[in-house]
């Protein structure tokens, strides 16, 4: 799961960096927010609290902070009434904040690795009494 979260975060950030200028240009020309919203979407929408509870608290905090910053960026892009020049400025600010959260996320859960490793970690929580 850590690997998938790291991949998703990396993909979102990569798309935003690569398309930021073009997104604002399209918004300016077409007054269509779709390219901005679609670029900022996450691919993994089905992660559950049960799955997230398997992460350590520090990892949970880093995942939450990254996706909270991403949500703030998406909210702004969806509902802004700013002119394109101001959108570019604010997008740059929000993207820097997202990059900062991505660095913290990567430190907490690790880099997405093409190899990926299957991890099985079991801990005895309660022993049954012997009969």
Foldseek 3Di string as FASTA:
>chain_A
DLLLLQVQLVQLLVLCVVCVVVQLVCCQVPVDLVVVLVSLDTDDPPDDPVNLVVADPQLSVLSVQLVVLSVVSNVCSVDPPDHSVVNSVVSVVSSVSNVVSSVSNCVRSNHNDPVDDDDDDDDDPDDDDDD
